[in-house]
């Protein structure tokens, strides 16, 4: 199971995008995520107001591990995997 997590680098304290409209609803509930559609986007995303480090700690407690991290423009992206 793979999961992506991202945030804007100037906003390293939150919000953190934690999923899309196809994400596991029970995992999104565990993270305390809210589903939203940003103006101009044709997709839905889940976000939390927590800092990425808080979200990463919660995901680690569920068995997820970071496999990679990168910066894309002003966005930080983590890829996590759960066996």
PDB file of N, CA and C in Angstrom:
ATOM      1  N   UNK A   1       0.863  -1.171   0.000  1.00  0.00           N
ATOM      2  CA  UNK A   1       0.000   0.000   0.000  1.00  0.00           C
ATOM      3  C   UNK A   1       0.904   1.226   0.000  1.00  0.00           C
ATOM      4  N   UNK A   2       0.664   2.145  -0.901  1.00  0.00           N
ATOM      5  CA  UNK A   2       1.467   3.357  -1.005  1.00  0.00           C
ATOM      6  C   UNK A   2       0.602   4.566  -0.697  1.00  0.00           C
ATOM      7  N   UNK A   3       1.230   5.592  -0.123  1.00  0.00           N
ATOM      8  CA  UNK A   3       0.504   6.796   0.246  1.00  0.00           C
ATOM      9  C   UNK A   3       1.382   8.005  -0.054  1.00  0.00           C
ATOM     10  N   UNK A   4       0.809   9.071  -0.604  1.00  0.00           N
ATOM     11  CA  UNK A   4       1.535  10.310  -0.867  1.00  0.00           C
ATOM     12  C   UNK A   4       1.075  11.390   0.094  1.00  0.00           C
ATOM     13  N   UNK A   5       2.011  12.228   0.471  1.00  0.00           N
ATOM     14  CA  UNK A   5       1.757  13.316   1.408  1.00  0.00           C
ATOM     15  C   UNK A   5       2.468  14.532   0.860  1.00  0.00           C
ATOM     16  N   UNK A   6       1.836  15.714   0.890  1.00  0.00           N
ATOM     17  CA  UNK A   6       2.518  16.894   0.363  1.00  0.00           C
ATOM     18  C   UNK A   6       2.109  18.147   1.122  1.00  0.00           C
ATOM     19  N   UNK A   7       2.997  19.136   1.078  1.00  0.00           N
ATOM     20  CA  UNK A   7       2.684  20.444   1.653  1.00  0.00           C
ATOM     21  C   UNK A   7       3.467  21.489   0.893  1.00  0.00           C
ATOM     22  N   UNK A   8       3.009  22.728   0.954  1.00  0.00           N
ATOM     23  CA  UNK A   8       3.756  23.833   0.372  1.00  0.00           C
ATOM     24  C   UNK A   8       4.896  24.183   1.315  1.00  0.00           C
ATOM     25  N   UNK A   9       6.115  24.301   0.783  1.00  0.00           N
ATOM     26  CA  UNK A   9       7.275  24.500   1.656  1.00  0.00           C
ATOM     27  C   UNK A   9       7.207  25.756   2.512  1.00  0.00           C
ATOM     28  N   UNK A  10       6.611  26.870   2.055  1.00  0.00           N
ATOM     29  CA  UNK A  10       6.512  28.003   2.976  1.00  0.00           C
ATOM     30  C   UNK A  10       5.543  27.749   4.127  1.00  0.00           C
ATOM     31  N   UNK A  11       4.732  26.698   4.002  1.00  0.00           N
ATOM     32  CA  UNK A  11       3.724  26.394   5.021  1.00  0.00           C
ATOM     33  C   UNK A  11       4.070  25.082   5.716  1.00  0.00           C
ATOM     34  N   UNK A  12       5.297  24.943   6.183  1.00  0.00           N
ATOM     35  CA  UNK A  12       5.752  23.688   6.775  1.00  0.00           C
ATOM     36  C   UNK A  12       5.034  23.343   8.071  1.00  0.00           C
ATOM     37  N   UNK A  13       4.196  24.233   8.568  1.00  0.00           N
ATOM     38  CA  UNK A  13       3.428  23.956   9.783  1.00  0.00           C
ATOM     39  C   UNK A  13       1.995  23.549   9.454  1.00  0.00           C
ATOM     40  N   UNK A  14       1.641  23.504   8.205  1.00  0.00           N
ATOM     41  CA  UNK A  14       0.304  23.098   7.786  1.00  0.00           C
ATOM     42  C   UNK A  14      -0.320  24.157   6.900  1.00  0.00           C
ATOM     43  N   UNK A  15      -1.354  23.852   6.153  1.00  0.00           N
ATOM     44  CA  UNK A  15      -1.999  22.548   6.084  1.00  0.00           C
ATOM     45  C   UNK A  15      -1.160  21.545   5.288  1.00  0.00           C
ATOM     46  N   UNK A  16      -1.475  20.278   5.483  1.00  0.00           N
ATOM     47  CA  UNK A  16      -0.797  19.193   4.781  1.00  0.00           C
ATOM     48  C   UNK A  16      -1.834  18.414   3.988  1.00  0.00           C
ATOM     49  N   UNK A  17      -1.585  18.235   2.689  1.00  0.00           N
ATOM     50  CA  UNK A  17      -2.480  17.446   1.854  1.00  0.00           C
ATOM     51  C   UNK A  17      -2.134  15.976   2.081  1.00  0.00           C
ATOM     52  N   UNK A  18      -3.136  15.175   2.418  1.00  0.00           N
ATOM     53  CA  UNK A  18      -2.884  13.792   2.806  1.00  0.00           C
ATOM     54  C   UNK A  18      -3.561  12.753   1.912  1.00  0.00           C
ATOM     55  N   UNK A  19      -4.315  13.169   0.910  1.00  0.00           N
ATOM     56  CA  UNK A  19      -4.958  12.187   0.051  1.00  0.00           C
ATOM     57  C   UNK A  19      -5.815  12.820  -1.019  1.00  0.00           C
ATOM     58  N   UNK A  20      -6.313  11.963  -1.915  1.00  0.00           N
ATOM     59  CA  UNK A  20      -7.226  12.417  -2.955  1.00  0.00           C
ATOM     60  C   UNK A  20      -8.585  11.749  -2.765  1.00  0.00           C
ATOM     61  N   UNK A  21      -9.472  11.947  -3.728  1.00  0.00           N
ATOM     62  CA  UNK A  21     -10.836  11.431  -3.562  1.00  0.00           C
ATOM     63  C   UNK A  21     -10.897   9.909  -3.517  1.00  0.00           C
ATOM     64  N   UNK A  22      -9.811   9.233  -3.887  1.00  0.00           N
ATOM     65  CA  UNK A  22      -9.783   7.773  -3.880  1.00  0.00           C
ATOM     66  C   UNK A  22      -9.093   7.205  -2.641  1.00  0.00           C
ATOM     67  N   UNK A  23      -8.711   8.050  -1.707  1.00  0.00           N
ATOM     68  CA  UNK A  23      -8.000   7.607  -0.507  1.00  0.00           C
ATOM     69  C   UNK A  23      -8.916   6.826   0.433  1.00  0.00           C
ATOM     70  N   UNK A  24      -8.300   5.990   1.255  1.00  0.00           N
ATOM     71  CA  UNK A  24      -9.017   5.164   2.222  1.00  0.00           C
ATOM     72  C   UNK A  24      -9.730   6.059   3.237  1.00  0.00           C
ATOM     73  N   UNK A  25     -11.071   6.041   3.262  1.00  0.00           N
ATOM     74  CA  UNK A  25     -11.824   6.904   4.178  1.00  0.00           C
ATOM     75  C   UNK A  25     -11.485   6.678   5.649  1.00  0.00           C
ATOM     76  N   UNK A  26     -11.208   5.431   6.032  1.00  0.00           N
ATOM     77  CA  UNK A  26     -10.889   5.172   7.438  1.00  0.00           C
ATOM     78  C   UNK A  26      -9.527   5.770   7.811  1.00  0.00           C
ATOM     79  N   UNK A  27      -8.569   5.727   6.892  1.00  0.00           N
ATOM     80  CA  UNK A  27      -7.270   6.346   7.151  1.00  0.00           C
ATOM     81  C   UNK A  27      -7.410   7.868   7.214  1.00  0.00           C
ATOM     82  N   UNK A  28      -8.217   8.424   6.325  1.00  0.00           N
ATOM     83  CA  UNK A  28      -8.429   9.879   6.335  1.00  0.00           C
ATOM     84  C   UNK A  28      -9.101  10.311   7.638  1.00  0.00           C
ATOM     85  N   UNK A  29     -10.024   9.498   8.132  1.00  0.00           N
ATOM     86  CA  UNK A  29     -10.682   9.790   9.405  1.00  0.00           C
ATOM     87  C   UNK A  29      -9.676   9.731  10.554  1.00  0.00           C
ATOM     88  N   UNK A  30      -8.804   8.714  10.548  1.00  0.00           N
ATOM     89  CA  UNK A  30      -7.776   8.585  11.576  1.00  0.00           C
ATOM     90  C   UNK A  30      -6.864   9.819  11.606  1.00  0.00           C
ATOM     91  N   UNK A  31      -6.547  10.359  10.420  1.00  0.00           N
ATOM     92  CA  UNK A  31      -5.687  11.544  10.340  1.00  0.00           C
ATOM     93  C   UNK A  31      -6.438  12.829  10.681  1.00  0.00           C
ATOM     94  N   UNK A  32      -7.772  12.745  10.761  1.00  0.00           N
ATOM     95  CA  UNK A  32      -8.572  13.942  11.028  1.00  0.00           C
ATOM     96  C   UNK A  32      -8.682  14.832   9.805  1.00  0.00           C
ATOM     97  N   UNK A  33      -8.635  14.211   8.624  1.00  0.00           N
ATOM     98  CA  UNK A  33      -8.616  14.955   7.359  1.00  0.00           C
ATOM     99  C   UNK A  33     -10.003  15.422   6.943  1.00  0.00           C
ATOM    100  N   UNK A  34     -10.020  16.526   6.237  1.00  0.00           N
ATOM    101  CA  UNK A  34     -11.228  17.119   5.674  1.00  0.00           C
ATOM    102  C   UNK A  34     -11.117  17.070   4.155  1.00  0.00           C
ATOM    103  N   UNK A  35     -12.195  16.701   3.487  1.00  0.00           N
ATOM    104  CA  UNK A  35     -12.218  16.630   2.028  1.00  0.00           C
ATOM    105  C   UNK A  35     -12.626  17.988   1.476  1.00  0.00           C
ATOM    106  N   UNK A  36     -11.886  18.462   0.469  1.00  0.00           N
ATOM    107  CA  UNK A  36     -12.213  19.760  -0.129  1.00  0.00           C
ATOM    108  C   UNK A  36     -11.920  19.753  -1.619  1.00  0.00           C
ATOM    109  N   UNK A  37     -12.532  20.719  -2.301  1.00  0.00           N
ATOM    110  CA  UNK A  37     -12.283  20.949  -3.720  1.00  0.00           C
ATOM    111  C   UNK A  37     -11.876  22.409  -3.859  1.00  0.00           C
ATOM    112  N   UNK A  38     -10.641  22.642  -4.254  1.00  0.00           N
ATOM    113  CA  UNK A  38     -10.147  24.008  -4.421  1.00  0.00           C
ATOM    114  C   UNK A  38     -10.705  24.599  -5.710  1.00  0.00           C
ATOM    115  N   UNK A  39     -11.030  25.874  -5.691  1.00  0.00           N
ATOM    116  CA  UNK A  39     -11.564  26.560  -6.858  1.00  0.00           C
ATOM    117  C   UNK A  39     -10.634  26.375  -8.054  1.00  0.00           C
ATOM    118  N   UNK A  40     -11.192  25.927  -9.168  1.00  0.00           N
ATOM    119  CA  UNK A  40     -10.421  25.729 -10.389  1.00  0.00           C
ATOM    120  C   UNK A  40      -9.894  24.315 -10.563  1.00  0.00           C
ATOM    121  N   UNK A  41      -9.916  23.508  -9.498  1.00  0.00           N
ATOM    122  CA  UNK A  41      -9.467  22.116  -9.614  1.00  0.00           C
ATOM    123  C   UNK A  41     -10.655  21.221  -9.935  1.00  0.00           C
ATOM    124  N   UNK A  42     -10.401  20.186 -10.718  1.00  0.00           N
ATOM    125  CA  UNK A  42     -11.456  19.236 -11.079  1.00  0.00           C
ATOM    126  C   UNK A  42     -11.316  17.945 -10.279  1.00  0.00           C
ATOM    127  N   UNK A  43     -10.721  18.044  -9.099  1.00  0.00           N
ATOM    128  CA  UNK A  43     -10.539  16.880  -8.244  1.00  0.00           C
ATOM    129  C   UNK A  43     -10.693  17.306  -6.784  1.00  0.00           C
ATOM    130  N   UNK A  44     -10.916  16.328  -5.929  1.00  0.00           N
ATOM    131  CA  UNK A  44     -11.041  16.545  -4.501  1.00  0.00           C
ATOM    132  C   UNK A  44      -9.762  16.097  -3.824  1.00  0.00           C
ATOM    133  N   UNK A  45      -9.454  16.694  -2.682  1.00  0.00           N
ATOM    134  CA  UNK A  45      -8.282  16.292  -1.910  1.00  0.00           C
ATOM    135  C   UNK A  45      -8.614  16.352  -0.426  1.00  0.00           C
ATOM    136  N   UNK A  46      -7.889  15.557   0.355  1.00  0.00           N
ATOM    137  CA  UNK A  46      -8.017  15.580   1.799  1.00  0.00           C
ATOM    138  C   UNK A  46      -6.846  16.376   2.372  1.00  0.00           C
ATOM    139  N   UNK A  47      -7.111  17.169   3.399  1.00  0.00           N
ATOM    140  CA  UNK A  47      -6.049  17.926   4.045  1.00  0.00           C
ATOM    141  C   UNK A  47      -6.284  17.947   5.549  1.00  0.00           C
ATOM    142  N   UNK A  48      -5.207  18.206   6.264  1.00  0.00           N
ATOM    143  CA  UNK A  48      -5.271  18.418   7.714  1.00  0.00           C
ATOM    144  C   UNK A  48      -4.523  19.705   8.014  1.00  0.00           C
ATOM    145  N   UNK A  49      -4.829  20.332   9.130  1.00  0.00           N
ATOM    146  CA  UNK A  49      -4.129  21.551   9.519  1.00  0.00           C
ATOM    147  C   UNK A  49      -2.833  21.268  10.269  1.00  0.00           C
ATOM    148  N   UNK A  50      -2.518  19.985  10.471  1.00  0.00           N
ATOM    149  CA  UNK A  50      -1.294  19.600  11.166  1.00  0.00           C
ATOM    150  C   UNK A  50      -0.065  19.805  10.290  1.00  0.00           C
ATOM    151  N   UNK A  51       1.084  19.961  10.947  1.00  0.00           N
ATOM    152  CA  UNK A  51       2.361  20.015  10.255  1.00  0.00           C
ATOM    153  C   UNK A  51       2.685  18.636   9.685  1.00  0.00           C
ATOM    154  N   UNK A  52       3.459  18.571   8.612  1.00  0.00           N
ATOM    155  CA  UNK A  52       3.812  17.271   8.034  1.00  0.00           C
ATOM    156  C   UNK A  52       4.429  16.312   9.048  1.00  0.00           C
ATOM    157  N   UNK A  53       5.269  16.797   9.965  1.00  0.00           N
ATOM    158  CA  UNK A  53       5.906  15.901  10.940  1.00  0.00           C
ATOM    159  C   UNK A  53       4.870  15.213  11.823  1.00  0.00           C
ATOM    160  N   UNK A  54       3.773  15.904  12.144  1.00  0.00           N
ATOM    161  CA  UNK A  54       2.704  15.309  12.950  1.00  0.00           C
ATOM    162  C   UNK A  54       1.998  14.220  12.145  1.00  0.00           C
ATOM    163  N   UNK A  55       1.717  14.503  10.879  1.00  0.00           N
ATOM    164  CA  UNK A  55       1.058  13.523  10.009  1.00  0.00           C
ATOM    165  C   UNK A  55       1.967  12.321   9.794  1.00  0.00           C
ATOM    166  N   UNK A  56       3.254  12.553   9.566  1.00  0.00           N
ATOM    167  CA  UNK A  56       4.199  11.452   9.373  1.00  0.00           C
ATOM    168  C   UNK A  56       4.264  10.562  10.607  1.00  0.00           C
ATOM    169  N   UNK A  57       4.234  11.156  11.788  1.00  0.00           N
ATOM    170  CA  UNK A  57       4.235  10.369  13.026  1.00  0.00           C
ATOM    171  C   UNK A  57       2.974   9.515  13.137  1.00  0.00           C
ATOM    172  N   UNK A  58       1.819  10.086  12.789  1.00  0.00           N
ATOM    173  CA  UNK A  58       0.569   9.324  12.830  1.00  0.00           C
ATOM    174  C   UNK A  58       0.610   8.161  11.846  1.00  0.00           C
ATOM    175  N   UNK A  59       1.115   8.416  10.634  1.00  0.00           N
ATOM    176  CA  UNK A  59       1.189   7.354   9.636  1.00  0.00           C
ATOM    177  C   UNK A  59       2.183   6.272  10.049  1.00  0.00           C
ATOM    178  N   UNK A  60       3.263   6.670  10.699  1.00  0.00           N
ATOM    179  CA  UNK A  60       4.231   5.689  11.190  1.00  0.00           C
ATOM    180  C   UNK A  60       3.578   4.756  12.217  1.00  0.00           C
ATOM    181  N   UNK A  61       2.714   5.323  13.057  1.00  0.00           N
ATOM    182  CA  UNK A  61       2.038   4.491  14.066  1.00  0.00           C
ATOM    183  C   UNK A  61       1.093   3.480  13.422  1.00  0.00           C
ATOM    184  N   UNK A  62       0.717   3.704  12.156  1.00  0.00           N
ATOM    185  CA  UNK A  62      -0.136   2.769  11.412  1.00  0.00           C
ATOM    186  C   UNK A  62       0.678   1.803  10.558  1.00  0.00           C
ATOM    187  N   UNK A  63       2.006   1.897  10.638  1.00  0.00           N
ATOM    188  CA  UNK A  63       2.846   0.980   9.877  1.00  0.00           C
ATOM    189  C   UNK A  63       3.409   1.519   8.585  1.00  0.00           C
ATOM    190  N   UNK A  64       3.164   2.775   8.261  1.00  0.00           N
ATOM    191  CA  UNK A  64       3.725   3.372   7.051  1.00  0.00           C
ATOM    192  C   UNK A  64       5.162   3.804   7.303  1.00  0.00           C
ATOM    193  N   UNK A  65       5.994   3.701   6.262  1.00  0.00           N
ATOM    194  CA  UNK A  65       7.382   4.129   6.331  1.00  0.00           C
ATOM    195  C   UNK A  65       7.692   5.020   5.140  1.00  0.00           C
ATOM    196  N   UNK A  66       8.462   6.082   5.355  1.00  0.00           N
ATOM    197  CA  UNK A  66       8.871   6.973   4.270  1.00  0.00           C
ATOM    198  C   UNK A  66       9.868   6.234   3.389  1.00  0.00           C
ATOM    199  N   UNK A  67       9.608   6.215   2.073  1.00  0.00           N
ATOM    200  CA  UNK A  67      10.542   5.600   1.134  1.00  0.00           C
ATOM    201  C   UNK A  67      11.261   6.641   0.289  1.00  0.00           C
ATOM    202  N   UNK A  68      10.672   7.828   0.160  1.00  0.00           N
ATOM    203  CA  UNK A  68      11.354   8.903  -0.559  1.00  0.00           C
ATOM    204  C   UNK A  68      10.715  10.239  -0.207  1.00  0.00           C
ATOM    205  N   UNK A  69      11.475  11.295  -0.465  1.00  0.00           N
ATOM    206  CA  UNK A  69      10.996  12.666  -0.236  1.00  0.00           C
ATOM    207  C   UNK A  69      11.674  13.547  -1.261  1.00  0.00           C
ATOM    208  N   UNK A  70      10.932  14.511  -1.793  1.00  0.00           N
ATOM    209  CA  UNK A  70      11.506  15.424  -2.776  1.00  0.00           C
ATOM    210  C   UNK A  70      10.799  16.761  -2.711  1.00  0.00           C
ATOM    211  N   UNK A  71      11.404  17.748  -3.313  1.00  0.00           N
ATOM    212  CA  UNK A  71      10.787  19.056  -3.477  1.00  0.00           C
ATOM    213  C   UNK A  71      10.419  19.247  -4.933  1.00  0.00           C
ATOM    214  N   UNK A  72       9.207  19.717  -5.176  1.00  0.00           N
ATOM    215  CA  UNK A  72       8.738  19.998  -6.527  1.00  0.00           C
ATOM    216  C   UNK A  72       8.278  21.446  -6.526  1.00  0.00           C
ATOM    217  N   UNK A  73       9.104  22.350  -7.013  1.00  0.00           N
ATOM    218  CA  UNK A  73       8.782  23.774  -6.939  1.00  0.00           C
ATOM    219  C   UNK A  73       8.687  24.203  -5.486  1.00  0.00           C
ATOM    220  N   UNK A  74       7.548  24.744  -5.086  1.00  0.00           N
ATOM    221  CA  UNK A  74       7.322  25.171  -3.707  1.00  0.00           C
ATOM    222  C   UNK A  74       6.622  24.098  -2.877  1.00  0.00           C
ATOM    223  N   UNK A  75       6.587  22.866  -3.393  1.00  0.00           N
ATOM    224  CA  UNK A  75       5.879  21.781  -2.724  1.00  0.00           C
ATOM    225  C   UNK A  75       6.859  20.705  -2.246  1.00  0.00           C
ATOM    226  N   UNK A  76       6.654  20.204  -1.045  1.00  0.00           N
ATOM    227  CA  UNK A  76       7.400  19.069  -0.528  1.00  0.00           C
ATOM    228  C   UNK A  76       6.509  17.842  -0.638  1.00  0.00           C
ATOM    229  N   UNK A  77       7.069  16.712  -1.094  1.00  0.00           N
ATOM    230  CA  UNK A  77       6.285  15.499  -1.307  1.00  0.00           C
ATOM    231  C   UNK A  77       6.997  14.321  -0.652  1.00  0.00           C
ATOM    232  N   UNK A  78       6.235  13.538   0.129  1.00  0.00           N
ATOM    233  CA  UNK A  78       6.742  12.318   0.745  1.00  0.00           C
ATOM    234  C   UNK A  78       5.987  11.144   0.139  1.00  0.00           C
ATOM    235  N   UNK A  79       6.702  10.060  -0.140  1.00  0.00           N
ATOM    236  CA  UNK A  79       6.078   8.816  -0.588  1.00  0.00           C
ATOM    237  C   UNK A  79       6.274   7.805   0.548  1.00  0.00           C
ATOM    238  N   UNK A  80       5.180   7.207   0.993  1.00  0.00           N
ATOM    239  CA  UNK A  80       5.228   6.246   2.086  1.00  0.00           C
ATOM    240  C   UNK A  80       4.713   4.898   1.607  1.00  0.00           C
ATOM    241  N   UNK A  81       5.151   3.841   2.271  1.00  0.00           N
ATOM    242  CA  UNK A  81       4.733   2.485   1.908  1.00  0.00           C
ATOM    243  C   UNK A  81       4.377   1.706   3.176  1.00  0.00           C
ATOM    244  N   UNK A  82       3.358   0.883   3.065  1.00  0.00           N
ATOM    245  CA  UNK A  82       2.961  -0.004   4.166  1.00  0.00           C
ATOM    246  C   UNK A  82       2.911  -1.420   3.614  1.00  0.00           C
ATOM    247  N   UNK A  83       3.613  -2.321   4.275  1.00  0.00           N
ATOM    248  CA  UNK A  83       3.629  -3.708   3.806  1.00  0.00           C
ATOM    249  C   UNK A  83       2.458  -4.483   4.361  1.00  0.00           C
TER     250      UNK A  83
END
